[in-house]
Protein backbone atom coordinates (compact mmCIF):
# COMPACT_ATOMS: atom_id res chain seq x y z
CA MET A 1 115.66 -76.45 179.27
CA ALA A 2 112.29 -77.74 177.78
CA LYS A 3 111.66 -77.89 174.12
CA SER A 4 108.81 -76.04 172.67
CA ALA A 5 106.26 -77.92 170.47
CA SER A 6 107.63 -75.89 167.30
CA SER A 7 111.28 -76.74 168.01
CA ALA A 8 110.53 -80.24 168.53
CA ALA A 9 108.56 -80.83 165.40
CA THR A 10 111.23 -81.38 162.80
CA GLY A 11 111.24 -83.55 159.79
CA GLY A 12 107.85 -83.41 158.86
CA ALA A 13 104.88 -85.54 159.76
CA VAL A 14 104.53 -89.29 159.07
CA ALA A 15 101.19 -90.10 157.09
CA GLY A 16 98.89 -91.79 159.49
CA SER A 17 98.85 -94.83 157.67
CA ASP A 18 102.67 -95.36 157.46
CA MET A 19 103.09 -94.84 161.34
CA HIS A 20 104.14 -97.61 163.38
CA VAL A 21 102.68 -97.58 166.74
CA ALA A 22 103.79 -99.19 169.98
CA VAL A 23 100.87 -100.06 172.17
CA ALA A 24 101.66 -99.54 175.87
CA ILE A 25 99.60 -101.55 178.37
CA VAL A 26 99.98 -101.75 182.10
CA GLY A 27 98.79 -105.16 183.80
CA TYR A 28 98.34 -105.90 187.45
CA ARG A 29 97.27 -109.37 187.87
CA ASN A 30 94.46 -109.24 185.51
CA LEU A 31 95.30 -111.72 182.65
CA GLU A 32 91.73 -112.27 181.38
CA ASP A 33 91.46 -108.33 180.67
CA ILE A 34 94.77 -108.45 178.85
CA VAL A 35 93.70 -111.65 176.77
CA THR A 36 90.70 -109.76 175.73
CA CYS A 37 92.21 -106.66 174.74
CA LEU A 38 94.99 -108.49 172.60
CA GLN A 39 92.14 -110.26 170.98
CA THR A 40 90.27 -106.73 169.94
CA LEU A 41 93.81 -105.37 168.95
CA GLY A 42 94.07 -108.28 166.48
CA ARG A 43 91.07 -106.91 164.57
CA LEU A 44 92.43 -103.31 164.07
CA GLU A 45 92.19 -101.77 160.69
CA HIS A 46 95.70 -100.17 161.18
CA SER A 47 98.40 -103.04 161.25
CA ARG A 48 101.48 -101.51 161.78
CA PHE A 49 101.95 -101.82 165.34
CA GLU A 50 103.37 -103.92 168.09
CA VAL A 51 102.33 -104.44 171.88
CA VAL A 52 104.43 -103.79 174.91
CA ILE A 53 103.06 -105.02 178.14
CA CYS A 54 104.41 -104.05 181.52
CA GLU A 55 103.23 -106.43 184.32
CA ASN A 56 103.31 -104.67 187.72
CA GLY A 57 102.06 -107.57 189.60
CA GLY A 58 104.78 -109.69 190.34
CA SER A 59 106.66 -112.67 188.96
CA GLU A 60 103.59 -115.05 189.13
CA ALA A 61 101.73 -112.49 187.00
CA TYR A 62 104.33 -112.01 184.75
CA GLU A 63 104.80 -115.88 184.44
CA ALA A 64 101.09 -116.36 183.63
CA LEU A 65 100.93 -113.82 180.85
CA VAL A 66 104.10 -115.30 179.34
CA ARG A 67 102.56 -118.84 179.43
CA THR A 68 99.29 -117.43 178.06
CA LEU A 69 99.89 -114.79 175.53
CA PRO A 70 101.17 -115.44 172.00
CA LYS A 71 104.30 -113.80 171.06
CA THR A 72 102.64 -112.49 167.87
CA LEU A 73 99.05 -111.47 167.00
CA PRO A 74 97.35 -113.15 163.84
CA GLY A 75 98.39 -110.09 161.70
CA GLY A 76 102.10 -110.66 162.80
CA GLN A 77 102.30 -107.82 165.44
CA GLY A 78 104.97 -108.69 168.11
CA VAL A 79 103.80 -108.90 171.63
CA THR A 80 106.41 -108.27 174.39
CA VAL A 81 105.82 -108.92 177.99
CA MET A 82 108.04 -107.46 180.38
CA ALA A 83 107.98 -107.58 184.37
CA ALA A 84 108.24 -104.58 186.17
CA PRO A 85 111.17 -104.56 189.00
CA ARG A 86 108.43 -103.62 191.47
CA ASN A 87 104.92 -102.19 191.36
CA LEU A 88 105.60 -98.95 189.52
CA GLY A 89 102.19 -97.78 189.36
CA TYR A 90 100.33 -96.76 186.34
CA ALA A 91 102.55 -93.75 185.13
CA GLY A 92 105.59 -95.63 185.79
CA GLY A 93 104.46 -98.80 183.89
CA VAL A 94 103.36 -96.54 181.11
CA ASN A 95 106.97 -94.92 181.03
CA PHE A 96 108.56 -98.46 181.23
CA ALA A 97 106.71 -99.79 178.34
CA ILE A 98 107.24 -96.65 176.05
CA ALA A 99 110.95 -96.74 176.83
CA ALA A 100 110.97 -100.34 175.47
CA ALA A 101 109.96 -99.27 172.19
CA PRO A 102 112.01 -96.10 171.37
CA GLU A 103 111.66 -96.39 167.30
CA ALA A 104 108.10 -96.20 167.32
CA ASP A 105 106.43 -92.97 165.57
CA ALA A 106 103.56 -92.93 168.00
CA TRP A 107 102.85 -94.32 171.62
CA TRP A 108 99.24 -95.89 172.33
CA VAL A 109 98.49 -95.79 176.15
CA LEU A 110 95.94 -98.39 176.57
CA ASN A 111 94.12 -99.71 179.68
CA PRO A 112 94.05 -103.44 179.92
CA ASP A 113 90.30 -103.56 180.53
CA THR A 114 89.55 -101.84 177.11
CA GLU A 115 88.45 -103.35 173.96
CA PRO A 116 89.04 -100.63 171.06
CA GLN A 117 86.90 -101.05 168.12
CA PRO A 118 88.42 -101.68 164.62
CA GLY A 119 88.97 -98.22 163.16
CA LEU A 120 89.88 -96.52 166.38
CA LEU A 121 93.61 -96.35 165.90
CA SER A 122 93.41 -95.36 162.17
CA ALA A 123 91.20 -92.41 163.18
CA CYS A 124 93.66 -91.43 165.83
CA LEU A 125 96.59 -91.57 163.46
CA ALA A 126 94.73 -89.78 161.10
CA ARG A 127 94.02 -86.97 163.47
CA LEU A 128 97.85 -86.77 164.46
CA ALA A 129 98.93 -86.73 160.88
CA ARG A 130 97.06 -83.54 160.20
CA GLY A 131 100.01 -81.99 162.05
CA ASP A 132 98.56 -79.52 164.42
CA VAL A 133 98.06 -81.76 167.33
CA HIS A 134 100.61 -84.16 169.19
CA ALA A 135 98.15 -86.11 171.47
CA VAL A 136 94.77 -87.64 170.34
CA GLY A 137 91.78 -89.04 172.35
CA CYS A 138 88.59 -90.55 171.38
CA THR A 139 85.08 -91.49 172.68
CA ILE A 140 85.40 -93.96 175.42
CA TYR A 141 82.07 -95.68 176.61
CA LEU A 142 80.89 -98.20 178.93
CA PRO A 143 79.31 -101.57 178.68
CA ASN A 144 75.78 -99.90 179.20
CA GLY A 145 76.28 -97.90 175.86
CA GLU A 146 76.68 -94.72 177.76
CA VAL A 147 79.91 -92.51 177.17
CA GLN A 148 82.49 -92.19 179.62
CA SER A 149 84.32 -89.35 178.15
CA HIS A 150 84.97 -87.69 174.89
CA GLY A 151 87.78 -85.89 176.77
CA GLY A 152 87.85 -83.60 179.80
CA ARG A 153 88.34 -80.20 181.30
CA TRP A 154 90.41 -79.77 184.45
CA ARG A 155 88.80 -77.36 186.88
CA PRO A 156 91.88 -75.86 188.83
CA TRP A 157 89.74 -73.79 191.37
CA LEU A 158 87.91 -77.02 192.39
CA ALA A 159 90.71 -79.39 192.07
CA ARG A 160 88.19 -81.56 190.06
CA ALA A 161 87.90 -83.05 186.48
CA GLU A 162 84.80 -82.27 184.47
CA VAL A 163 84.11 -84.99 181.93
CA ILE A 164 82.96 -84.12 178.49
CA GLY A 165 80.12 -86.31 177.25
CA TRP A 166 79.55 -88.34 180.40
CA GLY A 167 76.29 -90.17 180.22
CA GLU A 168 75.56 -89.29 176.65
CA ARG A 169 74.54 -92.31 174.41
CA ILE A 170 77.46 -93.61 171.93
CA ASP A 171 75.13 -93.04 168.92
CA GLY A 172 74.72 -89.51 169.52
CA PRO A 173 76.03 -86.58 167.52
CA VAL A 174 79.58 -85.34 168.58
CA ASP A 175 80.97 -81.89 167.66
CA ALA A 176 84.82 -82.72 167.54
CA ALA A 177 85.75 -79.03 167.21
CA ALA A 178 83.82 -78.01 170.35
CA ILE A 179 85.76 -80.77 172.26
CA GLU A 180 88.89 -79.93 171.08
CA ALA A 181 88.37 -76.45 172.09
CA ALA A 182 87.03 -77.49 175.50
CA GLN A 183 89.33 -80.04 176.60
CA ASN A 184 92.58 -79.89 178.42
CA PHE A 185 93.04 -83.48 179.25
CA LEU A 186 92.65 -86.98 177.48
CA ASN A 187 91.31 -90.14 179.30
CA GLY A 188 94.39 -92.08 180.20
CA ALA A 189 92.57 -95.16 179.29
CA CYS A 190 93.07 -94.43 175.59
CA MET A 191 95.23 -92.03 174.32
CA VAL A 192 97.98 -91.75 171.24
CA VAL A 193 100.81 -89.55 171.51
CA ASP A 194 103.65 -89.07 168.94
CA ARG A 195 107.24 -88.16 169.16
CA THR A 196 106.79 -84.41 169.47
CA PHE A 197 104.88 -85.07 172.63
CA LEU A 198 107.41 -87.01 174.28
CA GLU A 199 110.38 -84.85 173.35
CA VAL A 200 108.76 -81.70 174.41
CA VAL A 201 106.57 -83.05 177.66
CA GLY A 202 108.79 -86.15 178.83
CA PRO A 203 107.33 -89.16 180.55
CA MET A 204 104.42 -89.13 182.94
CA ARG A 205 104.94 -88.33 186.50
CA GLU A 206 105.70 -91.61 188.53
CA ASP A 207 105.18 -89.91 191.83
CA TYR A 208 101.58 -89.83 191.29
CA PHE A 209 101.66 -93.57 190.98
CA LEU A 210 97.94 -94.09 190.22
CA TYR A 211 95.17 -91.58 188.95
CA CYS A 212 95.31 -88.16 187.40
CA GLU A 213 98.80 -88.82 185.73
CA GLU A 214 97.36 -88.43 182.44
CA VAL A 215 95.70 -85.07 183.62
CA GLU A 216 99.09 -83.82 184.97
CA TRP A 217 100.67 -85.04 181.66
CA CYS A 218 98.25 -83.15 179.33
CA LEU A 219 98.37 -79.72 181.37
CA ARG A 220 101.74 -79.86 181.42
CA ALA A 221 101.87 -80.58 177.56
CA GLN A 222 99.48 -77.44 176.79
CA ALA A 223 101.60 -75.29 178.94
CA ARG A 224 104.57 -76.05 176.63
CA GLY A 225 102.48 -75.39 173.69
CA ILE A 226 101.29 -79.02 172.68
CA ARG A 227 97.62 -79.19 171.47
CA LEU A 228 95.14 -82.16 172.03
CA GLY A 229 93.18 -83.66 169.54
CA PHE A 230 90.02 -85.83 169.17
CA ALA A 231 89.14 -88.52 166.99
CA PRO A 232 85.24 -88.90 166.72
CA GLU A 233 85.28 -91.86 164.63
CA GLY A 234 87.44 -93.87 167.31
CA ARG A 235 85.43 -95.75 169.83
CA CYS A 236 86.91 -97.62 172.89
CA LEU A 237 84.74 -99.91 175.18
CA HIS A 238 85.97 -99.41 178.63
CA HIS A 239 85.15 -102.05 181.45
CA ALA A 240 86.65 -99.60 184.10
CA GLY A 241 87.93 -100.36 187.54
CA THR A 242 88.46 -104.22 186.93
CA THR A 243 91.77 -103.86 188.74
CA THR A 244 91.33 -101.24 191.37
CA GLY A 245 87.58 -101.73 192.47
CA SER A 246 87.32 -97.90 191.79
CA HIS A 247 83.91 -98.31 189.83
CA ALA A 248 82.24 -100.22 192.61
CA SER A 249 79.24 -98.15 194.61
CA LEU A 250 80.41 -95.68 196.69
CA ARG A 251 79.73 -97.55 199.88
CA GLU A 252 81.69 -100.55 198.57
CA ARG A 253 84.56 -98.66 197.37
CA PRO A 254 88.01 -99.58 198.81
CA LYS A 255 90.42 -97.31 200.29
CA ARG A 256 93.26 -97.14 197.92
CA PRO A 257 91.48 -95.89 195.02
CA ILE A 258 89.77 -93.09 197.01
CA TYR A 259 92.93 -92.00 198.95
CA LEU A 260 95.12 -91.82 195.75
CA ASP A 261 92.25 -89.85 193.72
CA GLU A 262 91.55 -87.29 196.21
CA ARG A 263 95.50 -86.91 196.96
CA ASN A 264 96.15 -86.60 193.49
CA LYS A 265 93.70 -84.04 192.73
CA VAL A 266 95.53 -81.85 194.96
CA LEU A 267 98.88 -82.61 193.59
CA VAL A 268 97.79 -81.75 190.14
CA THR A 269 96.75 -78.28 191.43
CA ARG A 270 99.86 -77.97 193.36
CA ASP A 271 102.13 -78.88 190.31
CA CYS A 272 100.12 -77.11 187.67
CA PHE A 273 98.23 -74.23 189.26
CA PRO A 274 100.14 -73.36 192.52
CA ALA A 275 98.67 -69.91 192.82
CA ARG A 276 95.16 -71.60 193.10
CA LEU A 277 96.07 -74.04 195.72
CA PRO A 278 94.42 -72.34 198.89
CA VAL A 279 91.11 -72.07 197.30
CA ALA A 280 91.07 -75.33 195.44
CA ILE A 281 92.05 -77.21 199.16
CA LEU A 282 88.90 -75.84 200.45
CA ALA A 283 86.75 -76.58 197.52
CA ALA A 284 88.20 -80.08 197.29
CA LEU A 285 87.23 -80.55 200.87
CA ALA A 286 83.46 -79.38 200.43
CA LEU A 287 83.30 -81.66 197.16
CA LEU A 288 84.54 -84.81 199.11
CA PHE A 289 81.86 -84.44 201.72
CA LEU A 290 79.22 -83.64 198.99
CA ARG A 291 80.22 -86.81 197.05
CA PHE A 292 80.48 -89.28 200.09
CA ALA A 293 78.61 -87.96 203.16
CA SER A 294 75.47 -87.11 200.98
CA ARG A 295 75.24 -90.58 200.00
CA GLY A 296 76.01 -92.08 203.55
CA ALA A 297 79.41 -93.48 202.68
CA TRP A 298 81.03 -92.28 205.83
CA ARG A 299 83.88 -94.99 205.83
CA GLN A 300 84.74 -93.41 202.48
CA VAL A 301 84.54 -89.99 203.63
CA GLY A 302 87.63 -90.86 206.01
CA TYR A 303 89.47 -92.57 203.16
CA ALA A 304 89.02 -89.31 201.20
CA LEU A 305 90.02 -87.18 204.13
CA GLU A 306 93.29 -89.02 204.53
CA GLY A 307 93.93 -88.52 200.76
CA TRP A 308 93.18 -84.79 200.84
CA TRP A 309 95.27 -84.13 203.60
CA ALA A 310 98.26 -86.37 201.96
CA GLY A 311 97.93 -83.88 199.03
CA ILE A 312 98.12 -80.88 201.07
CA VAL A 313 101.34 -82.08 202.96
CA ASN A 314 102.83 -83.03 199.53
CA ARG A 315 103.03 -86.92 200.25
CA ARG A 316 103.61 -88.83 196.96
CA GLY A 317 104.12 -92.13 195.63
CA PRO A 318 102.32 -95.56 196.34
CA ALA A 319 99.91 -95.59 199.34
CA THR A 320 101.90 -96.67 202.25
CA PHE A 321 98.84 -98.51 204.14
CA GLY A 322 98.30 -102.06 203.99
């Protein structure tokens, strides 16, 4: 039987400044991204952390990381690089990295194509230490200075995510209380979870492989009494889609990210809101045509339809096409 948030929260909260954090990074043949990410981690105000990297891209990519990356950062924080036994996907890679640091007080799920700003981790841990939330997100922004997200709201009738703050300027005002009241998932590019979260919720679902895994994780958490926090002082630059090509223009976007994204949107509804699935399936079909066909991205319509159908027939795991 799954634990509740109240039954798992024992022993008192660790002060944010005292928390030892394991940074869980999943790589896929993107050495340059990881080098840059580690450089920014070395400038964090909070120094009690270690870095665990799961390389999903095979032995050559793993060996390149081992040759290039330091074993410790300038502040003495350890850097562990592990080769996944196969491509585990993002969720599987996160679980693999988290499992390698079982003694941490908190785990920071961080995309390799991010540049966390110096006060980010301190802000997230301070929000955790208040004790009323067990996972914390922050403001994630794009290189053009626009907000990618403050958090997100899943719309189960539509099988779609609503991003909070999308397109706002990074220097604009932020209402942290309103964001916490509205959000029901955190952006998986940068989120910090504590021990209670993992004990109550368990690991990410690996059968999603890539996309929406953080949405399902957070929805499952909320269904079990976990609250999600937001640290308005925390900011993280996200270069977005450097590995998957998911942020290319719609007509240039490759098949895999479109297929998995559309499939997993249906799977989230199937897993978390099954009674709404019949309506959500039709809404998702209409929305994918609106998104791609209205822009003349007809090839991508085909990719999206394949993913939509895969969600309907409950197909999971990695994409099986070449």
